[in-house]
N, C-alpha and C. Protein backbone atom coordinates (compact mmCIF):
# COMPACT_ATOMS: atom_id res chain seq x y z
N UNK A 1 112.64 104.46 115.49
CA UNK A 1 112.72 105.07 114.09
C UNK A 1 111.08 104.78 113.50
N UNK A 2 110.58 105.94 113.11
CA UNK A 2 109.08 105.74 112.23
C UNK A 2 109.62 104.93 111.25
N UNK A 3 108.35 103.78 110.70
CA UNK A 3 107.87 103.29 109.87
C UNK A 3 107.95 103.83 108.55
N UNK A 4 107.48 104.97 108.44
CA UNK A 4 107.31 106.00 107.43
C UNK A 4 107.95 107.50 107.28
N UNK A 5 107.82 107.92 106.61
CA UNK A 5 108.28 109.49 106.25
C UNK A 5 107.94 110.00 104.83
N UNK A 6 107.46 111.25 104.92
CA UNK A 6 107.07 111.49 103.61
C UNK A 6 108.53 112.78 102.61
N UNK A 7 108.54 112.33 101.89
CA UNK A 7 109.50 113.34 100.64
C UNK A 7 108.65 114.00 99.64
N UNK A 8 109.07 115.20 99.70
CA UNK A 8 108.31 115.65 98.40
C UNK A 8 109.49 115.55 97.24
N UNK A 9 108.51 116.15 95.93
CA UNK A 9 109.23 115.83 94.69
C UNK A 9 110.12 116.73 94.45
N UNK A 10 111.41 116.08 94.07
CA UNK A 10 112.68 117.07 93.97
C UNK A 10 113.85 116.45 94.29
N UNK A 11 115.00 116.83 94.66
CA UNK A 11 116.50 116.14 94.99
C UNK A 11 115.93 115.31 95.77
N UNK A 12 115.51 115.13 96.79
CA UNK A 12 115.38 113.61 97.72
C UNK A 12 115.11 112.44 96.93
N UNK A 13 113.78 113.13 96.28
CA UNK A 13 113.37 111.96 95.84
C UNK A 13 113.98 111.43 94.64
N UNK A 14 114.53 112.22 93.73
CA UNK A 14 115.40 111.78 92.39
C UNK A 14 116.72 111.15 93.46
N UNK A 15 117.16 111.25 94.45
CA UNK A 15 118.34 110.40 95.43
C UNK A 15 117.80 108.81 95.05
N UNK A 16 116.67 108.41 95.34
CA UNK A 16 115.89 107.24 94.86
C UNK A 16 116.14 106.63 93.88
N UNK A 17 116.44 107.18 92.74
CA UNK A 17 116.60 106.55 91.37
C UNK A 17 118.37 106.08 91.18
N UNK A 18 118.82 107.19 92.18
CA UNK A 18 120.16 106.62 91.82
C UNK A 18 120.86 105.78 93.16
N UNK A 19 120.46 105.80 94.09
CA UNK A 19 120.93 104.95 95.34
C UNK A 19 120.71 103.71 95.22
N UNK A 20 119.31 103.08 94.50
CA UNK A 20 119.14 101.92 94.78
C UNK A 20 119.82 100.96 93.82
N UNK A 21 120.30 99.29 94.46
CA UNK A 21 121.34 98.95 94.34
C UNK A 21 121.05 97.73 93.02
N UNK A 22 120.15 97.68 92.60
CA UNK A 22 119.32 96.41 91.68
C UNK A 22 118.34 96.71 91.31
N UNK A 23 117.02 96.86 91.82
CA UNK A 23 115.94 96.93 91.17
C UNK A 23 115.21 98.16 91.41
N UNK A 24 114.08 98.96 90.07
CA UNK A 24 113.22 99.55 90.73
C UNK A 24 111.72 99.97 89.87
N UNK A 25 110.80 99.24 90.88
CA UNK A 25 109.62 98.75 90.24
C UNK A 25 108.78 99.68 90.47
N UNK A 26 107.97 99.79 89.69
CA UNK A 26 106.82 101.04 89.76
C UNK A 26 104.92 100.16 89.56
N UNK A 27 104.23 100.53 90.45
CA UNK A 27 102.73 99.62 89.53
C UNK A 27 102.24 101.77 89.17
N UNK A 28 101.29 101.81 88.41
CA UNK A 28 101.01 103.02 88.00
C UNK A 28 99.91 102.42 87.62
N UNK A 29 99.15 103.52 88.48
CA UNK A 29 97.57 103.25 88.83
C UNK A 29 96.36 104.00 88.18
N UNK A 30 96.97 105.03 87.56
CA UNK A 30 96.10 106.71 86.95
C UNK A 30 96.10 106.33 85.85
N UNK A 31 95.01 106.73 85.35
CA UNK A 31 94.49 107.47 83.60
C UNK A 31 94.78 108.63 83.64
N UNK A 32 95.33 109.27 84.22
CA UNK A 32 95.66 110.40 83.88
C UNK A 32 96.51 110.89 84.95
N UNK A 33 97.66 111.87 84.62
CA UNK A 33 99.21 112.32 85.40
C UNK A 33 99.22 114.08 84.58
N UNK A 34 99.50 114.71 85.44
CA UNK A 34 99.76 116.33 85.67
C UNK A 34 101.06 116.73 85.68
N UNK A 35 101.94 116.64 84.54
CA UNK A 35 103.59 116.90 84.90
C UNK A 35 103.13 118.17 84.11
N UNK A 36 104.05 119.19 84.04
CA UNK A 36 104.66 120.77 83.58
C UNK A 36 105.89 120.28 82.53
N UNK A 37 106.65 119.34 82.80
CA UNK A 37 107.35 119.23 82.35
C UNK A 37 106.98 118.16 80.56
N UNK A 38 106.02 117.90 80.65
CA UNK A 38 105.22 116.90 79.85
C UNK A 38 104.44 117.06 78.94
N UNK A 39 104.06 118.61 79.70
CA UNK A 39 102.52 119.23 78.96
C UNK A 39 102.45 119.72 77.68
N UNK A 40 103.64 120.19 76.99
CA UNK A 40 103.47 120.33 75.51
C UNK A 40 103.57 119.43 74.42
N UNK A 41 104.53 118.37 75.17
CA UNK A 41 104.82 116.81 74.59
C UNK A 41 103.24 116.17 74.32
N UNK A 42 102.55 116.17 75.20
CA UNK A 42 101.13 115.78 75.37
C UNK A 42 100.62 116.50 74.17
N UNK A 43 100.54 117.53 74.50
CA UNK A 43 99.89 118.61 73.49
C UNK A 43 100.03 118.12 72.09
N UNK A 44 101.56 118.02 71.74
CA UNK A 44 101.35 117.76 70.43
C UNK A 44 101.11 116.35 70.34
N UNK A 45 101.05 115.09 70.92
CA UNK A 45 100.90 113.86 70.76
C UNK A 45 99.16 113.88 70.26
N UNK A 46 98.45 114.79 71.26
CA UNK A 46 96.92 114.83 71.13
C UNK A 46 96.60 114.89 69.99
N UNK A 47 97.19 116.31 69.62
CA UNK A 47 96.97 116.95 68.79
C UNK A 47 97.80 116.57 67.07
N UNK A 48 98.25 115.30 66.83
CA UNK A 48 98.80 114.23 65.89
C UNK A 48 99.83 115.55 65.43
N UNK A 49 100.82 115.88 66.29
CA UNK A 49 101.77 116.63 65.77
C UNK A 49 103.10 116.02 65.85
N UNK A 50 104.43 116.33 65.40
CA UNK A 50 105.28 115.53 65.78
C UNK A 50 105.73 115.67 67.61
N UNK A 51 105.91 114.84 68.20
CA UNK A 51 106.20 115.17 69.57
C UNK A 51 107.71 115.22 69.91
N UNK A 52 107.85 116.50 70.18
CA UNK A 52 109.01 116.79 70.77
C UNK A 52 109.67 116.24 72.00
N UNK A 53 110.58 115.49 71.68
CA UNK A 53 110.88 114.28 73.32
C UNK A 53 111.93 114.39 74.25
N UNK A 54 112.60 115.77 73.98
CA UNK A 54 114.07 116.23 74.49
C UNK A 54 113.51 116.87 76.09
N UNK A 55 112.02 117.30 76.91
CA UNK A 55 111.85 116.55 77.68
C UNK A 55 112.27 115.55 78.56
N UNK A 56 111.98 114.39 77.84
CA UNK A 56 112.21 113.14 78.43
C UNK A 56 113.89 112.75 78.74
N UNK A 57 115.02 113.66 77.86
CA UNK A 57 116.29 112.91 77.74
C UNK A 57 117.34 112.27 79.17
N UNK A 58 116.59 113.25 80.19
CA UNK A 58 117.46 113.09 81.62
C UNK A 58 116.92 112.01 82.13
N UNK A 59 115.40 111.50 82.22
CA UNK A 59 114.79 110.14 82.50
C UNK A 59 115.68 109.03 81.69
N UNK A 60 115.97 109.43 80.15
CA UNK A 60 116.06 108.39 79.54
C UNK A 60 117.95 107.77 79.27
N UNK A 61 118.44 109.10 79.92
CA UNK A 61 119.69 108.88 80.33
C UNK A 61 119.96 108.01 81.23
N UNK A 62 119.09 108.38 82.72
CA UNK A 62 119.46 107.73 83.86
C UNK A 62 118.80 106.53 83.77
N UNK A 63 118.04 106.04 82.94
CA UNK A 63 117.82 104.49 82.33
C UNK A 63 119.34 103.75 81.70
N UNK A 64 119.52 104.48 80.74
CA UNK A 64 120.86 103.69 80.01
C UNK A 64 121.51 103.94 81.02
N UNK A 65 122.14 104.22 81.65
CA UNK A 65 123.24 104.67 83.25
C UNK A 65 123.24 103.13 83.89
N UNK A 66 121.50 103.40 84.25
CA UNK A 66 121.45 102.15 85.22
C UNK A 66 121.75 101.00 84.78
N UNK A 67 120.96 100.48 83.34
CA UNK A 67 120.80 99.55 82.92
C UNK A 67 122.34 99.27 82.64
N UNK A 68 123.16 99.64 82.05
CA UNK A 68 124.53 99.79 81.36
C UNK A 68 125.05 99.01 82.67
N UNK A 69 124.75 99.47 83.73
CA UNK A 69 125.40 99.22 85.12
C UNK A 69 124.58 97.76 85.90
N UNK A 70 123.74 97.13 85.36
CA UNK A 70 123.55 95.62 85.63
C UNK A 70 122.39 96.21 86.66
N UNK A 71 121.63 97.27 86.51
CA UNK A 71 120.10 97.42 87.41
C UNK A 71 119.03 97.87 86.24
N UNK A 72 118.27 97.05 87.24
CA UNK A 72 116.73 97.53 86.39
C UNK A 72 115.66 97.82 86.49
N UNK A 73 115.22 98.63 85.71
CA UNK A 73 113.74 99.43 85.61
C UNK A 73 112.68 98.70 85.27
N UNK A 74 111.33 98.81 86.20
CA UNK A 74 110.33 97.63 85.66
C UNK A 74 109.30 98.53 85.99
N UNK A 75 107.85 98.47 85.26
CA UNK A 75 107.12 99.00 86.15
C UNK A 75 105.63 97.96 85.47
N UNK A 76 104.76 98.65 85.61
CA UNK A 76 103.30 97.77 85.20
C UNK A 76 102.38 98.48 85.41
N UNK A 77 101.89 99.05 84.10
CA UNK A 77 100.83 100.41 84.16
C UNK A 77 99.49 99.47 84.22
N UNK A 78 98.69 99.95 84.94
CA UNK A 78 97.40 99.51 84.61
C UNK A 78 96.36 100.94 84.43
N UNK A 79 96.01 99.99 83.39
CA UNK A 79 95.07 101.00 82.27
C UNK A 79 93.45 100.63 82.29
N UNK A 80 93.09 101.67 82.09
CA UNK A 80 91.61 101.83 80.93
C UNK A 80 91.64 101.50 79.89
N UNK A 81 90.48 100.33 79.48
CA UNK A 81 90.38 100.12 77.80
C UNK A 81 88.69 100.99 77.71
N UNK A 82 88.72 101.71 76.92
CA UNK A 82 89.89 102.30 75.87
C UNK A 82 90.74 102.89 76.10
N UNK A 83 92.05 103.54 76.05
CA UNK A 83 92.92 103.87 76.54
C UNK A 83 92.17 105.69 76.61
N UNK A 84 92.77 106.41 77.39
CA UNK A 84 92.60 107.98 77.63
C UNK A 84 94.00 108.16 76.82
N UNK A 85 93.22 109.69 76.38
CA UNK A 85 94.74 110.15 75.69
C UNK A 85 95.95 110.22 76.55
N UNK A 86 95.61 110.34 77.71
CA UNK A 86 97.05 110.22 78.29
C UNK A 86 97.46 108.78 78.20
N UNK A 87 96.70 107.73 78.32
CA UNK A 87 97.47 106.53 78.47
C UNK A 87 97.95 106.12 77.08
N UNK A 88 97.18 107.32 76.04
CA UNK A 88 97.80 106.60 74.86
C UNK A 88 99.48 106.93 74.68
N UNK A 89 99.17 108.43 75.07
CA UNK A 89 100.95 109.20 74.96
C UNK A 89 101.57 108.59 76.06
N UNK A 90 101.37 107.74 77.05
CA UNK A 90 102.07 107.16 78.02
C UNK A 90 102.79 105.97 76.92
N UNK A 91 101.99 105.00 76.46
CA UNK A 91 102.30 104.15 75.75
C UNK A 91 103.36 104.37 74.71
N UNK A 92 103.04 105.59 73.96
CA UNK A 92 103.78 106.31 73.06
C UNK A 92 105.39 106.40 73.66
N UNK A 93 105.07 107.23 74.62
CA UNK A 93 106.60 107.52 75.75
C UNK A 93 107.10 105.87 75.68
N UNK A 94 106.34 104.56 76.55
CA UNK A 94 106.89 103.50 76.81
C UNK A 94 107.83 103.28 75.79
N UNK A 95 107.76 103.94 74.84
CA UNK A 95 108.73 102.87 73.70
C UNK A 95 109.64 103.51 73.85
N UNK A 96 109.97 104.66 73.77
CA UNK A 96 111.52 105.56 74.47
C UNK A 96 112.18 104.52 75.88
N UNK A 97 111.44 104.44 76.13
CA UNK A 97 111.63 104.23 77.60
C UNK A 97 112.09 102.65 77.94
N UNK A 98 111.33 101.82 76.78
CA UNK A 98 111.92 100.24 77.11
C UNK A 98 112.98 100.46 75.90
N UNK A 99 113.83 101.19 75.13
CA UNK A 99 114.50 101.15 74.16
C UNK A 99 115.85 101.30 74.98
N UNK A 100 115.70 102.27 76.18
CA UNK A 100 116.45 102.72 76.81
C UNK A 100 116.83 101.80 78.07
N UNK A 101 115.73 100.80 78.30
CA UNK A 101 116.15 99.59 78.88
C UNK A 101 115.23 99.38 80.10
N UNK A 102 114.39 99.96 80.26
CA UNK A 102 113.00 99.85 81.35
C UNK A 102 112.26 98.72 80.53
N UNK A 103 111.47 97.97 81.39
CA UNK A 103 110.61 97.04 81.09
C UNK A 103 109.02 97.84 81.49
N UNK A 104 108.73 97.95 79.99
CA UNK A 104 107.16 98.45 80.97
C UNK A 104 106.06 97.30 80.45
N UNK A 105 105.40 97.31 80.95
CA UNK A 105 104.24 95.95 80.61
C UNK A 105 102.65 96.64 80.93
N UNK A 106 101.80 96.59 80.33
CA UNK A 106 100.69 97.06 80.52
C UNK A 106 99.67 95.55 81.10
N UNK A 107 98.79 96.46 82.16
CA UNK A 107 97.71 95.41 82.12
C UNK A 107 95.98 96.26 82.13
N UNK A 108 95.37 95.71 81.65
CA UNK A 108 94.03 96.24 81.31
C UNK A 108 93.49 96.41 82.94
N UNK A 109 92.77 97.45 83.89
CA UNK A 109 92.27 98.03 84.84
C UNK A 109 91.50 96.26 85.37
N UNK A 110 90.56 95.92 84.20
CA UNK A 110 89.48 95.08 84.97
C UNK A 110 90.58 93.69 85.09
N UNK A 111 91.54 93.54 84.82
CA UNK A 111 92.25 91.92 85.51
C UNK A 111 93.11 92.80 86.86
N UNK A 112 92.82 93.98 87.32
CA UNK A 112 93.33 94.43 88.59
C UNK A 112 93.03 94.43 89.88
N UNK A 113 91.93 94.11 90.06
CA UNK A 113 91.03 93.84 91.00
C UNK A 113 91.80 93.79 92.16
N UNK A 114 92.58 92.99 92.17
CA UNK A 114 93.29 92.43 93.28
C UNK A 114 94.85 93.29 93.88
N UNK A 115 94.84 94.15 92.86
CA UNK A 115 95.86 95.53 93.25
C UNK A 115 95.23 96.49 93.76
N UNK A 116 96.50 97.23 94.67
CA UNK A 116 96.15 98.57 94.64
C UNK A 116 96.01 99.98 94.24
N UNK A 117 95.18 100.39 94.34
CA UNK A 117 94.53 101.68 93.58
C UNK A 117 95.06 103.13 93.37
N UNK A 118 96.48 102.66 93.95
CA UNK A 118 97.50 103.97 94.35
C UNK A 118 98.74 103.11 93.85
N UNK A 119 99.57 104.27 93.26
CA UNK A 119 100.79 104.09 92.81
C UNK A 119 102.09 103.53 93.64
N UNK A 120 102.86 103.25 93.71
CA UNK A 120 104.35 102.57 94.27
C UNK A 120 105.54 102.80 93.65
N UNK A 121 107.19 102.87 94.26
CA UNK A 121 108.20 102.54 93.52
C UNK A 121 108.35 101.63 94.70
N UNK A 122 108.89 100.52 94.25
CA UNK A 122 109.74 99.79 95.04
C UNK A 122 111.08 99.14 94.49
N UNK A 123 112.19 99.79 95.88
CA UNK A 123 113.45 99.83 95.31
C UNK A 123 114.27 98.68 96.11
N UNK A 124 114.69 97.68 95.24
CA UNK A 124 115.34 96.82 95.75
C UNK A 124 114.50 95.71 96.79
N UNK A 125 113.44 95.87 96.20
CA UNK A 125 112.53 95.10 97.40
C UNK A 125 112.22 94.90 98.50
N UNK A 126 112.64 96.05 99.02
CA UNK A 126 112.68 96.41 100.41
C UNK A 126 112.14 97.85 100.79
N UNK A 127 112.49 98.86 100.01
CA UNK A 127 112.56 100.00 99.86
C UNK A 127 111.28 100.40 99.30
N UNK A 128 109.61 100.64 99.96
CA UNK A 128 108.44 100.88 99.31
C UNK A 128 108.59 102.45 99.44
N UNK A 129 107.77 103.19 98.43
CA UNK A 129 107.26 104.66 98.21
C UNK A 129 106.00 104.23 97.58
N UNK A 130 105.09 104.78 98.12
CA UNK A 130 103.98 105.12 98.06
C UNK A 130 103.72 106.86 97.76
N UNK A 131 103.17 106.60 96.82
CA UNK A 131 103.01 108.07 95.84
C UNK A 131 101.60 108.98 96.23
N UNK A 132 101.69 110.32 96.39
CA UNK A 132 100.41 110.96 96.92
C UNK A 132 100.51 111.41 95.43
N UNK A 133 99.25 112.29 95.15
CA UNK A 133 98.53 113.37 93.88
C UNK A 133 97.84 113.86 94.63
N UNK A 134 97.75 115.01 94.44
CA UNK A 134 96.89 116.38 93.88
C UNK A 134 95.54 115.61 93.36
N UNK A 135 93.96 116.65 93.79
CA UNK A 135 92.82 116.37 93.18
C UNK A 135 93.22 116.58 91.19
N UNK A 136 94.16 117.13 91.33
CA UNK A 136 94.46 117.74 89.68
C UNK A 136 95.16 117.07 89.41
N UNK A 137 96.10 115.74 90.12
CA UNK A 137 96.74 114.77 89.35
C UNK A 137 98.23 115.35 89.64
N UNK A 138 98.96 116.35 89.72
CA UNK A 138 99.96 116.42 90.16
C UNK A 138 100.49 116.01 91.55
N UNK A 139 101.99 115.66 91.35
CA UNK A 139 102.17 114.71 92.01
C UNK A 139 102.74 115.25 93.31
N UNK A 140 102.68 115.27 94.30
CA UNK A 140 102.31 115.55 95.70
C UNK A 140 103.94 115.31 96.76
N UNK A 141 104.18 114.08 96.19
CA UNK A 141 105.15 113.36 96.86
C UNK A 141 105.22 111.93 96.99
N UNK A 142 106.11 111.24 97.50
CA UNK A 142 106.20 110.22 98.24
C UNK A 142 106.11 109.92 99.93
N UNK A 143 105.32 109.08 100.43
CA UNK A 143 105.79 107.92 101.70
C UNK A 143 106.34 106.83 101.98
N UNK A 144 107.49 107.36 102.37
CA UNK A 144 108.19 105.85 102.35
C UNK A 144 107.99 105.50 103.69
N UNK A 145 107.76 104.31 103.38
CA UNK A 145 107.13 103.22 103.90
C UNK A 145 108.49 101.66 104.59
N UNK A 146 108.80 101.89 105.22
CA UNK A 146 109.72 100.84 105.89
C UNK A 146 109.29 99.36 106.81
N UNK A 147 107.87 99.65 106.85
CA UNK A 147 107.26 98.24 107.72
C UNK A 147 107.59 97.18 106.73
N UNK A 148 108.27 95.70 107.23
CA UNK A 148 108.22 94.60 106.55
C UNK A 148 107.19 94.02 106.05
N UNK A 149 106.31 93.87 106.80
CA UNK A 149 104.99 93.46 105.99
C UNK A 149 104.30 93.78 105.05
N UNK A 150 104.16 95.43 104.93
CA UNK A 150 103.62 96.30 103.94
C UNK A 150 104.78 96.17 103.01
N UNK A 151 106.17 95.92 103.02
CA UNK A 151 106.44 95.87 101.91
C UNK A 151 106.40 94.30 101.44
N UNK A 152 106.60 93.22 102.47
CA UNK A 152 106.14 91.98 101.44
C UNK A 152 104.65 91.90 100.69
N UNK A 153 103.84 92.57 100.82
CA UNK A 153 103.07 92.86 100.42
C UNK A 153 103.02 93.38 99.31
N UNK A 154 103.42 94.60 99.06
CA UNK A 154 103.80 95.01 97.83
C UNK A 154 104.74 94.61 96.80
N UNK A 155 105.97 93.65 97.40
CA UNK A 155 106.29 92.69 96.17
C UNK A 155 105.12 92.04 95.74
N UNK A 156 104.30 91.18 96.34
CA UNK A 156 103.43 90.35 96.12
C UNK A 156 102.67 90.97 95.22
N UNK A 157 102.16 92.05 95.23
CA UNK A 157 101.38 92.60 94.27
C UNK A 157 102.32 92.82 92.97
N UNK A 158 103.51 93.27 93.07
CA UNK A 158 105.07 93.32 91.94
C UNK A 158 104.05 92.46 91.57
N UNK A 159 104.85 91.26 92.00
CA UNK A 159 104.43 89.99 91.31
C UNK A 159 103.21 89.55 90.58
N UNK A 160 102.53 89.35 91.70
CA UNK A 160 100.84 89.14 90.90
C UNK A 160 100.78 90.27 89.10
N UNK A 161 101.24 91.48 89.16
CA UNK A 161 101.10 92.56 88.40
C UNK A 161 101.88 92.09 87.40
N UNK A 162 102.89 91.73 87.33
CA UNK A 162 103.98 91.27 86.48
C UNK A 162 103.18 90.07 85.91
N UNK A 163 103.10 89.20 86.28
CA UNK A 163 102.58 87.97 86.28
C UNK A 163 101.58 88.05 84.99
N UNK A 164 100.40 88.87 85.44
CA UNK A 164 99.19 89.39 84.47
C UNK A 164 99.21 89.81 83.63
N UNK A 165 100.81 91.00 83.36
CA UNK A 165 100.55 91.94 82.75
C UNK A 165 101.34 91.95 81.03
N UNK A 166 100.90 92.53 80.26
CA UNK A 166 100.81 92.02 78.77
C UNK A 166 102.43 93.12 78.40
N UNK A 167 103.53 92.35 78.02
CA UNK A 167 104.73 93.34 77.28
C UNK A 167 104.10 94.68 76.72
N UNK A 168 105.06 95.66 76.63
CA UNK A 168 104.39 96.86 76.28
C UNK A 168 103.96 96.89 74.76
N UNK A 169 105.40 95.74 73.89
CA UNK A 169 104.98 95.72 72.22
C UNK A 169 103.85 94.82 72.02
N UNK A 170 103.09 93.63 72.70
CA UNK A 170 102.10 93.50 72.83
C UNK A 170 100.78 93.78 72.85
N UNK A 171 101.29 94.55 73.73
CA UNK A 171 100.18 95.34 74.36
C UNK A 171 99.35 96.46 73.17
N UNK A 172 100.68 96.89 72.92
CA UNK A 172 100.49 97.98 71.85
C UNK A 172 100.36 97.51 70.43
N UNK A 173 100.39 96.71 69.71
CA UNK A 173 100.05 96.33 68.68
C UNK A 173 98.59 95.42 68.46
N UNK A 174 97.59 95.86 69.78
CA UNK A 174 96.19 95.13 69.91
C UNK A 174 95.51 96.19 69.25
């Protein structure tokens, strides 16, 4: 059995969020992401307009259902300070996800020198998915890694990131 394989965005990747048993954790390391489903909301946010959040409802519903079932979603966002427009938009959106039950925390990039410089999801502390992006920041898919040593290392990085990160509310208040 190979220690890794690649899954593309879509149904197979989406199943990861419905099949985990206890925890889903993400480390986010990019100052910009490109996603067609959020582009209009980002434009509205940057323009100072009222932001239509209907594009986000499926994700928020999934988080609410999972957390109601006792599962936990958490992430740490490594950000460059001062924040990019996209990171400010992410901070705005994280108010909604935190209200839905996800625990999003923030870490200044200057304090993240000992963390990897790539995004990953860690499901139930045992299934690692390293995310891959195109040069234009579009999500290409995830590499599912089952190598035990790599999984343990990413659990350590999760714990270190969460230890140093600020709760969303505290970070936003600055």
